[in-house]
Amino acid sequence: MSMSRKLVPIQEAADALGVSAQTLRRWEREGRLIADERTAGGRRRYDLARLKPEQFHADRESLRKTVAYARVSSHDQKADLERQKQVLEIYCARQGWTFEVIADLGSGMNYNKKGLKRLLDAIIDGDVGRLVITHKDRLLRLGAELVFAICQAKNVEVVILNQGEDTTFEEDLAKDVLEIITVFSARLYGSRSRKNQKLLDGVKQAVEASEK
């Protein structure tokens, strides 16, 4: 007598395997795991007994990649971005790791950078096994610890090549402060407050002077 199968929707199957539904869709495109059935509306259904989480967890561990992340704040630091990428590439290659480099050009205060979003999506999806950066502040000026906590929850090894102060820290921080001033200037200038405008102009001049 054959046993009836328990077919579950994609989210329940993803939860059983400890991955996201997006990862299951990608696995299907890659031919790694095909849905057992499709409903009349085209929705995937999986045989829960056939999923074997322990097998997929082992497979995923072997497929998880090393990602090296580099960032600078502005276009005039492109040379430093290339230097960061080269340092990361040499280090990863010497360790014998298969790796991908993600680079961003944007403020350390900006959480909406394309590269950072792609990195976080890959970590949350369980596709990253190791993150390599030159300095902690290359991730974010404020909030890097939150990214590290996500890495710990997802069992991602974090490798920071230089635990000391970043050589571009002061220059980068000044650029980040200027960006904040620019945003607030746009808002406060709209109120036509000469007092606010004078205050922000003074702070901006002080920051610019510190860069020289």
N, C-alpha and C. Protein backbone atom coordinates (compact mmCIF):
# COMPACT_ATOMS: atom_id res chain seq x y z
N MET A 1 0.84 -1.18 0.00
CA MET A 1 0.00 0.00 0.00
C MET A 1 0.88 1.24 0.00
N SER A 2 0.67 2.14 -0.93
CA SER A 2 1.51 3.32 -1.02
C SER A 2 1.03 4.39 -0.06
N MET A 3 1.97 5.10 0.52
CA MET A 3 1.65 6.18 1.46
C MET A 3 1.34 7.45 0.69
N SER A 4 0.37 8.22 1.18
CA SER A 4 0.02 9.47 0.51
C SER A 4 1.10 10.51 0.80
N ARG A 5 1.34 11.32 -0.18
CA ARG A 5 2.36 12.36 -0.03
C ARG A 5 1.75 13.59 0.63
N LYS A 6 2.57 14.28 1.41
CA LYS A 6 2.13 15.55 1.97
C LYS A 6 2.77 16.66 1.15
N LEU A 7 1.97 17.29 0.30
CA LEU A 7 2.48 18.36 -0.54
C LEU A 7 2.24 19.70 0.14
N VAL A 8 3.30 20.50 0.20
CA VAL A 8 3.22 21.78 0.92
C VAL A 8 3.60 22.92 -0.03
N PRO A 9 3.14 24.14 0.25
CA PRO A 9 3.50 25.29 -0.58
C PRO A 9 4.96 25.67 -0.41
N ILE A 10 5.44 26.56 -1.25
CA ILE A 10 6.87 26.88 -1.32
C ILE A 10 7.40 27.45 -0.01
N GLN A 11 6.63 28.29 0.68
CA GLN A 11 7.16 28.89 1.90
C GLN A 11 7.36 27.84 2.99
N GLU A 12 6.43 26.88 3.09
CA GLU A 12 6.58 25.82 4.09
C GLU A 12 7.78 24.93 3.74
N ALA A 13 7.97 24.65 2.46
CA ALA A 13 9.13 23.86 2.04
C ALA A 13 10.43 24.62 2.33
N ALA A 14 10.43 25.93 2.07
CA ALA A 14 11.62 26.75 2.33
C ALA A 14 11.94 26.76 3.83
N ASP A 15 10.91 26.90 4.67
CA ASP A 15 11.11 26.89 6.12
C ASP A 15 11.71 25.56 6.58
N ALA A 16 11.26 24.47 5.97
CA ALA A 16 11.77 23.14 6.35
C ALA A 16 13.24 22.99 6.02
N LEU A 17 13.67 23.66 4.94
CA LEU A 17 15.07 23.57 4.51
C LEU A 17 15.93 24.69 5.10
N GLY A 18 15.29 25.66 5.76
CA GLY A 18 16.05 26.76 6.35
C GLY A 18 16.57 27.76 5.34
N VAL A 19 15.83 27.92 4.23
CA VAL A 19 16.22 28.89 3.21
C VAL A 19 15.01 29.77 2.90
N SER A 20 15.18 30.71 1.98
CA SER A 20 14.07 31.56 1.58
C SER A 20 13.35 30.94 0.38
N ALA A 21 12.10 31.39 0.16
CA ALA A 21 11.36 30.93 -1.02
C ALA A 21 12.07 31.34 -2.30
N GLN A 22 12.73 32.51 -2.26
CA GLN A 22 13.49 32.98 -3.41
C GLN A 22 14.61 32.00 -3.76
N THR A 23 15.24 31.43 -2.73
CA THR A 23 16.31 30.45 -2.97
C THR A 23 15.75 29.19 -3.64
N LEU A 24 14.57 28.73 -3.21
CA LEU A 24 13.97 27.55 -3.84
C LEU A 24 13.66 27.81 -5.31
N ARG A 25 13.19 29.01 -5.62
CA ARG A 25 12.91 29.34 -7.02
C ARG A 25 14.20 29.32 -7.84
N ARG A 26 15.28 29.84 -7.23
CA ARG A 26 16.57 29.85 -7.93
C ARG A 26 17.08 28.42 -8.12
N TRP A 27 16.91 27.57 -7.10
CA TRP A 27 17.34 26.18 -7.21
C TRP A 27 16.60 25.47 -8.34
N GLU A 28 15.31 25.82 -8.52
CA GLU A 28 14.56 25.20 -9.59
C GLU A 28 15.10 25.63 -10.95
N ARG A 29 15.44 26.92 -11.07
CA ARG A 29 16.03 27.40 -12.33
C ARG A 29 17.35 26.69 -12.62
N GLU A 30 18.10 26.37 -11.56
CA GLU A 30 19.39 25.71 -11.72
C GLU A 30 19.24 24.18 -11.84
N GLY A 31 18.01 23.68 -11.68
CA GLY A 31 17.79 22.24 -11.79
C GLY A 31 18.14 21.45 -10.55
N ARG A 32 18.36 22.13 -9.42
CA ARG A 32 18.76 21.45 -8.19
C ARG A 32 17.58 20.84 -7.44
N LEU A 33 16.42 21.51 -7.48
CA LEU A 33 15.24 21.02 -6.77
C LEU A 33 14.00 21.45 -7.52
N ILE A 34 13.31 20.50 -8.12
CA ILE A 34 12.12 20.79 -8.91
C ILE A 34 10.88 20.53 -8.06
N ALA A 35 9.90 21.41 -8.13
CA ALA A 35 8.65 21.21 -7.42
C ALA A 35 7.99 19.91 -7.87
N ASP A 36 7.38 19.19 -6.92
CA ASP A 36 6.75 17.91 -7.24
C ASP A 36 5.48 18.09 -8.06
N GLU A 37 4.78 19.16 -7.81
CA GLU A 37 3.55 19.42 -8.56
C GLU A 37 3.36 20.93 -8.71
N ARG A 38 2.47 21.30 -9.60
CA ARG A 38 2.04 22.69 -9.76
C ARG A 38 0.51 22.71 -9.69
N THR A 39 -0.03 23.69 -9.01
CA THR A 39 -1.48 23.82 -8.96
C THR A 39 -1.98 24.37 -10.29
N ALA A 40 -3.30 24.40 -10.42
CA ALA A 40 -3.88 24.95 -11.65
C ALA A 40 -3.46 26.39 -11.86
N GLY A 41 -3.20 27.09 -10.77
CA GLY A 41 -2.76 28.49 -10.85
C GLY A 41 -1.26 28.64 -11.00
N GLY A 42 -0.53 27.51 -11.12
CA GLY A 42 0.91 27.57 -11.33
C GLY A 42 1.74 27.63 -10.06
N ARG A 43 1.12 27.46 -8.90
CA ARG A 43 1.87 27.53 -7.64
C ARG A 43 2.59 26.21 -7.36
N ARG A 44 3.81 26.31 -6.87
CA ARG A 44 4.63 25.14 -6.62
C ARG A 44 4.14 24.40 -5.38
N ARG A 45 4.23 23.06 -5.43
CA ARG A 45 3.95 22.21 -4.28
C ARG A 45 5.06 21.18 -4.15
N TYR A 46 5.55 20.98 -2.90
CA TYR A 46 6.69 20.11 -2.64
C TYR A 46 6.30 18.97 -1.71
N ASP A 47 6.88 17.81 -1.96
CA ASP A 47 6.67 16.65 -1.10
C ASP A 47 7.59 16.81 0.11
N LEU A 48 6.98 17.07 1.27
CA LEU A 48 7.76 17.37 2.47
C LEU A 48 8.67 16.21 2.86
N ALA A 49 8.22 14.97 2.63
CA ALA A 49 9.02 13.80 3.01
C ALA A 49 10.25 13.64 2.12
N ARG A 50 10.22 14.23 0.94
CA ARG A 50 11.31 14.06 -0.02
C ARG A 50 12.39 15.13 0.09
N LEU A 51 12.13 16.14 0.86
CA LEU A 51 13.05 17.29 0.88
C LEU A 51 14.39 16.97 1.54
N LYS A 52 14.39 16.16 2.61
CA LYS A 52 15.63 15.76 3.28
C LYS A 52 16.50 16.97 3.63
N PRO A 53 16.10 17.73 4.63
CA PRO A 53 16.85 18.94 4.99
C PRO A 53 18.33 18.72 5.22
N GLU A 54 18.70 17.57 5.86
CA GLU A 54 20.11 17.34 6.17
C GLU A 54 20.95 17.27 4.89
N GLN A 55 20.39 16.72 3.81
CA GLN A 55 21.12 16.63 2.55
C GLN A 55 21.33 18.01 1.94
N PHE A 56 20.27 18.83 1.96
CA PHE A 56 20.38 20.15 1.37
C PHE A 56 21.27 21.07 2.19
N HIS A 57 21.25 20.91 3.50
CA HIS A 57 22.14 21.72 4.34
C HIS A 57 23.59 21.42 4.01
N ALA A 58 23.90 20.14 3.81
CA ALA A 58 25.28 19.76 3.47
C ALA A 58 25.66 20.33 2.10
N ASP A 59 24.72 20.23 1.14
CA ASP A 59 24.99 20.76 -0.19
C ASP A 59 25.21 22.26 -0.15
N ARG A 60 24.39 22.96 0.62
CA ARG A 60 24.49 24.42 0.69
C ARG A 60 25.80 24.87 1.30
N GLU A 61 26.27 24.14 2.33
CA GLU A 61 27.52 24.51 2.97
C GLU A 61 28.66 24.47 1.96
N SER A 62 28.65 23.47 1.08
CA SER A 62 29.73 23.34 0.09
C SER A 62 29.61 24.40 -1.00
N LEU A 63 28.40 24.93 -1.22
CA LEU A 63 28.18 25.89 -2.29
C LEU A 63 28.26 27.34 -1.81
N ARG A 64 28.24 27.55 -0.50
CA ARG A 64 28.26 28.93 0.01
C ARG A 64 29.58 29.60 -0.37
N LYS A 65 29.48 30.83 -0.80
CA LYS A 65 30.65 31.50 -1.38
C LYS A 65 31.29 32.49 -0.42
N THR A 66 32.50 32.87 -0.77
CA THR A 66 33.21 33.94 -0.08
C THR A 66 32.95 35.23 -0.84
N VAL A 67 32.54 36.27 -0.12
CA VAL A 67 32.32 37.58 -0.72
C VAL A 67 33.26 38.58 -0.08
N ALA A 68 34.01 39.30 -0.91
CA ALA A 68 34.86 40.39 -0.44
C ALA A 68 34.16 41.71 -0.76
N TYR A 69 34.05 42.59 0.23
CA TYR A 69 33.29 43.84 0.04
C TYR A 69 34.22 45.04 0.21
N ALA A 70 34.17 45.94 -0.78
CA ALA A 70 34.99 47.16 -0.75
C ALA A 70 34.08 48.37 -0.92
N ARG A 71 34.45 49.49 -0.28
CA ARG A 71 33.65 50.70 -0.41
C ARG A 71 34.50 51.95 -0.20
N VAL A 72 34.20 52.99 -0.97
CA VAL A 72 34.71 54.34 -0.70
C VAL A 72 33.53 55.30 -0.77
N SER A 73 33.73 56.52 -0.27
CA SER A 73 32.62 57.45 -0.14
C SER A 73 32.32 58.25 -1.40
N SER A 74 33.34 58.55 -2.21
CA SER A 74 33.11 59.48 -3.32
C SER A 74 33.93 59.10 -4.55
N HIS A 75 33.59 59.73 -5.68
CA HIS A 75 34.23 59.43 -6.96
C HIS A 75 35.73 59.75 -6.93
N ASP A 76 36.13 60.76 -6.16
CA ASP A 76 37.56 61.11 -6.16
C ASP A 76 38.40 60.11 -5.34
N GLN A 77 37.75 59.07 -4.80
CA GLN A 77 38.47 58.02 -4.07
C GLN A 77 38.52 56.71 -4.86
N LYS A 78 38.27 56.79 -6.16
CA LYS A 78 38.23 55.58 -6.98
C LYS A 78 39.55 54.81 -6.92
N ALA A 79 40.66 55.54 -6.81
CA ALA A 79 41.96 54.87 -6.73
C ALA A 79 42.05 54.02 -5.46
N ASP A 80 41.48 54.54 -4.36
CA ASP A 80 41.48 53.78 -3.11
C ASP A 80 40.56 52.58 -3.22
N LEU A 81 39.46 52.70 -3.97
CA LEU A 81 38.56 51.57 -4.18
C LEU A 81 39.28 50.45 -4.92
N GLU A 82 40.04 50.81 -5.94
CA GLU A 82 40.80 49.80 -6.68
C GLU A 82 41.85 49.16 -5.80
N ARG A 83 42.47 49.97 -4.93
CA ARG A 83 43.47 49.42 -4.00
C ARG A 83 42.82 48.42 -3.05
N GLN A 84 41.66 48.78 -2.50
CA GLN A 84 40.94 47.86 -1.62
C GLN A 84 40.63 46.54 -2.33
N LYS A 85 40.10 46.64 -3.54
CA LYS A 85 39.73 45.44 -4.30
C LYS A 85 40.95 44.56 -4.54
N GLN A 86 42.08 45.20 -4.88
CA GLN A 86 43.30 44.44 -5.14
C GLN A 86 43.77 43.72 -3.88
N VAL A 87 43.74 44.40 -2.74
CA VAL A 87 44.15 43.79 -1.47
C VAL A 87 43.26 42.59 -1.15
N LEU A 88 41.96 42.75 -1.33
CA LEU A 88 41.01 41.68 -1.05
C LEU A 88 41.21 40.49 -1.99
N GLU A 89 41.41 40.79 -3.28
CA GLU A 89 41.60 39.73 -4.27
C GLU A 89 42.86 38.93 -3.98
N ILE A 90 43.95 39.62 -3.66
CA ILE A 90 45.22 38.93 -3.37
C ILE A 90 45.07 38.05 -2.13
N TYR A 91 44.43 38.59 -1.09
CA TYR A 91 44.27 37.83 0.16
C TYR A 91 43.44 36.58 -0.07
N CYS A 92 42.27 36.74 -0.73
CA CYS A 92 41.38 35.59 -0.96
C CYS A 92 42.05 34.54 -1.84
N ALA A 93 42.76 35.00 -2.87
CA ALA A 93 43.44 34.07 -3.77
C ALA A 93 44.51 33.28 -3.02
N ARG A 94 45.24 33.93 -2.12
CA ARG A 94 46.29 33.25 -1.35
C ARG A 94 45.70 32.19 -0.42
N GLN A 95 44.45 32.41 0.03
CA GLN A 95 43.81 31.42 0.90
C GLN A 95 43.23 30.26 0.10
N GLY A 96 43.22 30.41 -1.23
CA GLY A 96 42.65 29.36 -2.08
C GLY A 96 41.14 29.38 -2.13
N TRP A 97 40.53 30.52 -1.77
CA TRP A 97 39.07 30.62 -1.76
C TRP A 97 38.54 31.01 -3.14
N THR A 98 37.40 30.45 -3.50
CA THR A 98 36.65 30.93 -4.66
C THR A 98 35.81 32.10 -4.15
N PHE A 99 35.95 33.25 -4.77
CA PHE A 99 35.34 34.44 -4.16
C PHE A 99 34.74 35.37 -5.21
N GLU A 100 33.92 36.27 -4.73
CA GLU A 100 33.32 37.33 -5.53
C GLU A 100 33.58 38.66 -4.83
N VAL A 101 33.89 39.69 -5.60
CA VAL A 101 34.11 41.03 -5.02
C VAL A 101 32.90 41.90 -5.32
N ILE A 102 32.35 42.50 -4.28
CA ILE A 102 31.28 43.48 -4.41
C ILE A 102 31.83 44.84 -3.99
N ALA A 103 31.67 45.85 -4.84
CA ALA A 103 32.22 47.17 -4.55
C ALA A 103 31.12 48.22 -4.58
N ASP A 104 31.21 49.16 -3.67
CA ASP A 104 30.25 50.27 -3.59
C ASP A 104 30.98 51.59 -3.61
N LEU A 105 30.32 52.58 -4.19
CA LEU A 105 30.82 53.94 -4.16
C LEU A 105 29.71 54.79 -3.54
N GLY A 106 29.85 55.08 -2.26
CA GLY A 106 28.81 55.82 -1.56
C GLY A 106 29.13 55.96 -0.09
N SER A 107 28.43 56.87 0.56
CA SER A 107 28.68 57.19 1.96
C SER A 107 28.50 55.99 2.87
N GLY A 108 29.31 55.96 3.94
CA GLY A 108 29.16 54.94 4.96
C GLY A 108 27.91 55.13 5.79
N MET A 109 27.24 56.27 5.62
CA MET A 109 25.97 56.52 6.31
C MET A 109 24.78 56.03 5.48
N ASN A 110 25.02 55.66 4.24
CA ASN A 110 23.95 55.28 3.33
C ASN A 110 23.72 53.77 3.39
N TYR A 111 22.54 53.37 3.84
CA TYR A 111 22.21 51.95 3.97
C TYR A 111 21.59 51.41 2.68
N ASN A 112 21.41 52.25 1.68
CA ASN A 112 20.67 51.86 0.49
C ASN A 112 21.56 51.66 -0.73
N LYS A 113 22.83 51.41 -0.52
CA LYS A 113 23.75 51.20 -1.64
C LYS A 113 23.47 49.85 -2.30
N LYS A 114 23.60 49.82 -3.64
CA LYS A 114 23.26 48.60 -4.39
C LYS A 114 24.10 47.41 -3.95
N GLY A 115 25.41 47.63 -3.83
CA GLY A 115 26.28 46.52 -3.46
C GLY A 115 25.97 45.98 -2.08
N LEU A 116 25.74 46.89 -1.12
CA LEU A 116 25.43 46.47 0.25
C LEU A 116 24.12 45.70 0.30
N LYS A 117 23.12 46.15 -0.46
CA LYS A 117 21.84 45.45 -0.49
C LYS A 117 22.01 44.05 -1.08
N ARG A 118 22.82 43.96 -2.15
CA ARG A 118 23.05 42.64 -2.77
C ARG A 118 23.78 41.71 -1.80
N LEU A 119 24.74 42.27 -1.07
CA LEU A 119 25.47 41.49 -0.08
C LEU A 119 24.54 40.97 1.01
N LEU A 120 23.70 41.85 1.57
CA LEU A 120 22.81 41.46 2.65
C LEU A 120 21.77 40.44 2.17
N ASP A 121 21.26 40.62 0.95
CA ASP A 121 20.31 39.65 0.40
C ASP A 121 20.94 38.26 0.31
N ALA A 122 22.19 38.22 -0.15
CA ALA A 122 22.88 36.93 -0.30
C ALA A 122 23.15 36.29 1.06
N ILE A 123 23.49 37.11 2.06
CA ILE A 123 23.73 36.59 3.42
C ILE A 123 22.43 36.03 3.99
N ILE A 124 21.34 36.78 3.87
CA ILE A 124 20.05 36.35 4.41
C ILE A 124 19.54 35.11 3.71
N ASP A 125 19.82 34.99 2.40
CA ASP A 125 19.40 33.80 1.65
C ASP A 125 20.26 32.58 1.95
N GLY A 126 21.34 32.77 2.72
CA GLY A 126 22.19 31.64 3.07
C GLY A 126 23.21 31.27 2.02
N ASP A 127 23.48 32.20 1.09
CA ASP A 127 24.41 31.90 -0.01
C ASP A 127 25.86 32.26 0.30
N VAL A 128 26.09 32.95 1.42
CA VAL A 128 27.44 33.43 1.77
C VAL A 128 27.96 32.65 2.97
N GLY A 129 29.16 32.14 2.85
CA GLY A 129 29.78 31.44 3.97
C GLY A 129 30.88 32.25 4.63
N ARG A 130 31.38 33.25 3.90
CA ARG A 130 32.49 34.06 4.44
C ARG A 130 32.43 35.47 3.86
N LEU A 131 32.62 36.48 4.71
CA LEU A 131 32.67 37.88 4.30
C LEU A 131 34.04 38.43 4.64
N VAL A 132 34.69 39.04 3.64
CA VAL A 132 36.03 39.59 3.84
C VAL A 132 36.01 41.09 3.55
N ILE A 133 36.51 41.90 4.49
CA ILE A 133 36.59 43.35 4.32
C ILE A 133 37.96 43.82 4.81
N THR A 134 38.39 44.99 4.32
CA THR A 134 39.69 45.50 4.76
C THR A 134 39.60 46.14 6.14
N HIS A 135 38.52 46.88 6.40
CA HIS A 135 38.27 47.51 7.70
C HIS A 135 36.79 47.41 8.02
N LYS A 136 36.46 47.44 9.30
CA LYS A 136 35.06 47.37 9.72
C LYS A 136 34.23 48.50 9.11
N ASP A 137 34.81 49.70 9.03
CA ASP A 137 34.06 50.86 8.54
C ASP A 137 33.78 50.81 7.05
N ARG A 138 34.37 49.87 6.33
CA ARG A 138 34.07 49.75 4.90
C ARG A 138 32.62 49.30 4.69
N LEU A 139 32.06 48.58 5.66
CA LEU A 139 30.66 48.17 5.55
C LEU A 139 29.75 49.38 5.75
N LEU A 140 29.77 49.92 6.95
CA LEU A 140 28.96 51.07 7.31
C LEU A 140 29.70 51.89 8.36
N ARG A 141 29.48 53.20 8.32
CA ARG A 141 30.08 54.04 9.36
C ARG A 141 29.44 53.75 10.71
N LEU A 142 28.13 53.66 10.74
CA LEU A 142 27.38 53.28 11.94
C LEU A 142 26.47 52.11 11.56
N GLY A 143 26.50 51.06 12.32
CA GLY A 143 25.63 49.93 12.05
C GLY A 143 26.35 48.68 11.57
N ALA A 144 27.68 48.73 11.49
CA ALA A 144 28.41 47.53 11.04
C ALA A 144 28.15 46.36 11.99
N GLU A 145 27.99 46.66 13.29
CA GLU A 145 27.76 45.59 14.26
C GLU A 145 26.45 44.84 13.97
N LEU A 146 25.47 45.56 13.43
CA LEU A 146 24.21 44.91 13.07
C LEU A 146 24.44 43.91 11.94
N VAL A 147 25.25 44.29 10.94
CA VAL A 147 25.57 43.37 9.85
C VAL A 147 26.33 42.16 10.39
N PHE A 148 27.25 42.40 11.33
CA PHE A 148 28.01 41.30 11.91
C PHE A 148 27.07 40.35 12.68
N ALA A 149 26.05 40.92 13.34
CA ALA A 149 25.10 40.08 14.07
C ALA A 149 24.30 39.20 13.11
N ILE A 150 23.94 39.75 11.95
CA ILE A 150 23.24 38.97 10.94
C ILE A 150 24.15 37.85 10.43
N CYS A 151 25.43 38.19 10.23
CA CYS A 151 26.40 37.17 9.79
C CYS A 151 26.50 36.04 10.81
N GLN A 152 26.54 36.40 12.08
CA GLN A 152 26.64 35.38 13.13
C GLN A 152 25.40 34.49 13.13
N ALA A 153 24.22 35.11 12.96
CA ALA A 153 22.98 34.33 12.94
C ALA A 153 22.93 33.39 11.74
N LYS A 154 23.56 33.79 10.64
CA LYS A 154 23.55 32.98 9.42
C LYS A 154 24.82 32.14 9.28
N ASN A 155 25.61 32.09 10.35
CA ASN A 155 26.84 31.28 10.36
C ASN A 155 27.81 31.70 9.26
N VAL A 156 27.97 33.01 9.10
CA VAL A 156 28.90 33.55 8.11
C VAL A 156 30.18 33.99 8.83
N GLU A 157 31.30 33.47 8.39
CA GLU A 157 32.60 33.87 8.95
C GLU A 157 32.94 35.28 8.45
N VAL A 158 33.34 36.17 9.36
CA VAL A 158 33.72 37.53 8.99
C VAL A 158 35.23 37.67 9.17
N VAL A 159 35.91 38.05 8.09
CA VAL A 159 37.36 38.25 8.12
C VAL A 159 37.64 39.73 7.88
N ILE A 160 38.25 40.40 8.88
CA ILE A 160 38.62 41.81 8.76
C ILE A 160 40.14 41.87 8.68
N LEU A 161 40.66 42.29 7.55
CA LEU A 161 42.11 42.22 7.32
C LEU A 161 42.89 43.16 8.22
N ASN A 162 42.34 44.33 8.50
CA ASN A 162 43.04 45.32 9.33
C ASN A 162 42.12 45.74 10.47
N GLN A 163 42.47 45.31 11.68
CA GLN A 163 41.63 45.62 12.84
C GLN A 163 41.89 47.04 13.37
N GLY A 164 42.94 47.68 12.87
CA GLY A 164 43.26 49.03 13.33
C GLY A 164 42.40 50.07 12.64
N GLU A 165 42.77 51.33 12.84
CA GLU A 165 42.01 52.44 12.25
C GLU A 165 42.26 52.52 10.75
N ASP A 166 41.22 52.73 10.01
CA ASP A 166 41.33 52.89 8.56
C ASP A 166 42.12 54.16 8.25
N THR A 167 43.06 54.06 7.32
CA THR A 167 43.90 55.21 6.99
C THR A 167 43.09 56.36 6.38
N THR A 168 41.93 56.06 5.82
CA THR A 168 41.10 57.11 5.23
C THR A 168 39.96 57.51 6.16
N PHE A 169 40.04 57.13 7.44
CA PHE A 169 38.93 57.34 8.36
C PHE A 169 38.51 58.80 8.43
N GLU A 170 39.47 59.71 8.68
CA GLU A 170 39.12 61.12 8.86
C GLU A 170 38.54 61.72 7.59
N GLU A 171 39.16 61.41 6.45
CA GLU A 171 38.67 61.94 5.18
C GLU A 171 37.27 61.41 4.87
N ASP A 172 37.08 60.11 5.09
CA ASP A 172 35.79 59.49 4.83
C ASP A 172 34.71 60.04 5.75
N LEU A 173 35.06 60.20 7.03
CA LEU A 173 34.10 60.70 8.00
C LEU A 173 33.68 62.12 7.65
N ALA A 174 34.65 62.95 7.21
CA ALA A 174 34.33 64.32 6.81
C ALA A 174 33.35 64.34 5.65
N LYS A 175 33.54 63.44 4.69
CA LYS A 175 32.63 63.37 3.55
C LYS A 175 31.23 62.93 3.98
N ASP A 176 31.17 62.01 4.93
CA ASP A 176 29.88 61.56 5.43
C ASP A 176 29.15 62.68 6.16
N VAL A 177 29.91 63.45 6.96
CA VAL A 177 29.30 64.58 7.68
C VAL A 177 28.79 65.62 6.69
N LEU A 178 29.56 65.88 5.63
CA LEU A 178 29.13 66.84 4.61
C LEU A 178 27.84 66.38 3.94
N GLU A 179 27.72 65.09 3.74
CA GLU A 179 26.50 64.57 3.11
C GLU A 179 25.29 64.82 4.01
N ILE A 180 25.47 64.59 5.32
CA ILE A 180 24.38 64.84 6.27
C ILE A 180 24.01 66.32 6.26
N ILE A 181 25.03 67.18 6.24
CA ILE A 181 24.78 68.63 6.23
C ILE A 181 24.01 69.02 4.98
N THR A 182 24.39 68.44 3.85
CA THR A 182 23.72 68.75 2.58
C THR A 182 22.24 68.39 2.65
N VAL A 183 21.93 67.21 3.22
CA VAL A 183 20.54 66.78 3.34
C VAL A 183 19.76 67.72 4.23
N PHE A 184 20.33 68.06 5.39
CA PHE A 184 19.63 68.95 6.31
C PHE A 184 19.53 70.36 5.75
N SER A 185 20.54 70.76 4.98
CA SER A 185 20.49 72.08 4.37
C SER A 185 19.30 72.19 3.43
N ALA A 186 19.09 71.16 2.63
CA ALA A 186 17.98 71.18 1.68
C ALA A 186 16.65 71.31 2.40
N ARG A 187 16.55 70.66 3.57
CA ARG A 187 15.30 70.73 4.32
C ARG A 187 15.12 72.07 5.04
N LEU A 188 16.19 72.52 5.65
CA LEU A 188 16.07 73.74 6.45
C LEU A 188 16.05 75.00 5.59
N TYR A 189 16.72 74.96 4.43
CA TYR A 189 16.66 76.12 3.54
C TYR A 189 15.22 76.35 3.09
N GLY A 190 14.47 75.24 2.99
CA GLY A 190 13.07 75.37 2.56
C GLY A 190 12.24 76.17 3.54
N SER A 191 12.69 76.19 4.81
CA SER A 191 11.95 76.97 5.81
C SER A 191 12.34 78.45 5.76
N ARG A 192 13.35 78.76 4.90
CA ARG A 192 13.81 80.14 4.72
C ARG A 192 14.28 80.79 6.02
N SER A 193 14.88 79.95 6.85
CA SER A 193 15.42 80.46 8.10
C SER A 193 16.86 80.87 7.89
N ARG A 194 17.13 82.17 7.96
CA ARG A 194 18.51 82.65 7.77
C ARG A 194 19.41 82.14 8.89
N LYS A 195 18.85 82.00 10.05
CA LYS A 195 19.64 81.50 11.19
C LYS A 195 20.11 80.08 10.92
N ASN A 196 19.19 79.21 10.44
CA ASN A 196 19.56 77.82 10.12
C ASN A 196 20.58 77.77 9.01
N GLN A 197 20.37 78.60 7.98
CA GLN A 197 21.28 78.62 6.83
C GLN A 197 22.68 79.04 7.26
N LYS A 198 22.76 80.06 8.09
CA LYS A 198 24.07 80.55 8.55
C LYS A 198 24.77 79.50 9.40
N LEU A 199 24.01 78.81 10.26
CA LEU A 199 24.59 77.78 11.12
C LEU A 199 25.16 76.63 10.30
N LEU A 200 24.37 76.14 9.33
CA LEU A 200 24.82 75.02 8.51
C LEU A 200 26.00 75.39 7.62
N ASP A 201 25.98 76.61 7.09
CA ASP A 201 27.11 77.07 6.28
C ASP A 201 28.39 77.10 7.10
N GLY A 202 28.27 77.52 8.36
CA GLY A 202 29.44 77.57 9.23
C GLY A 202 30.00 76.20 9.51
N VAL A 203 29.12 75.23 9.79
CA VAL A 203 29.56 73.86 10.04
C VAL A 203 30.21 73.27 8.80
N LYS A 204 29.58 73.50 7.64
CA LYS A 204 30.10 72.97 6.38
C LYS A 204 31.50 73.51 6.09
N GLN A 205 31.70 74.80 6.32
CA GLN A 205 33.01 75.42 6.09
C GLN A 205 34.06 74.83 7.03
N ALA A 206 33.65 74.54 8.28
CA ALA A 206 34.59 73.99 9.26
C ALA A 206 35.02 72.57 8.84
N VAL A 207 34.05 71.79 8.37
CA VAL A 207 34.36 70.42 7.94
C VAL A 207 35.27 70.45 6.72
N GLU A 208 34.96 71.30 5.76
CA GLU A 208 35.78 71.40 4.55
C GLU A 208 37.19 71.85 4.88
N ALA A 209 37.30 72.75 5.84
CA ALA A 209 38.63 73.23 6.24
C ALA A 209 39.45 72.11 6.89
N SER A 210 38.78 71.22 7.60
CA SER A 210 39.49 70.11 8.27
C SER A 210 40.06 69.12 7.28
N GLU A 211 39.50 69.11 6.04
CA GLU A 211 39.99 68.18 5.03
C GLU A 211 41.26 68.66 4.37
N LYS A 212 41.56 69.93 4.49
CA LYS A 212 42.71 70.50 3.77
C LYS A 212 44.01 70.24 4.54
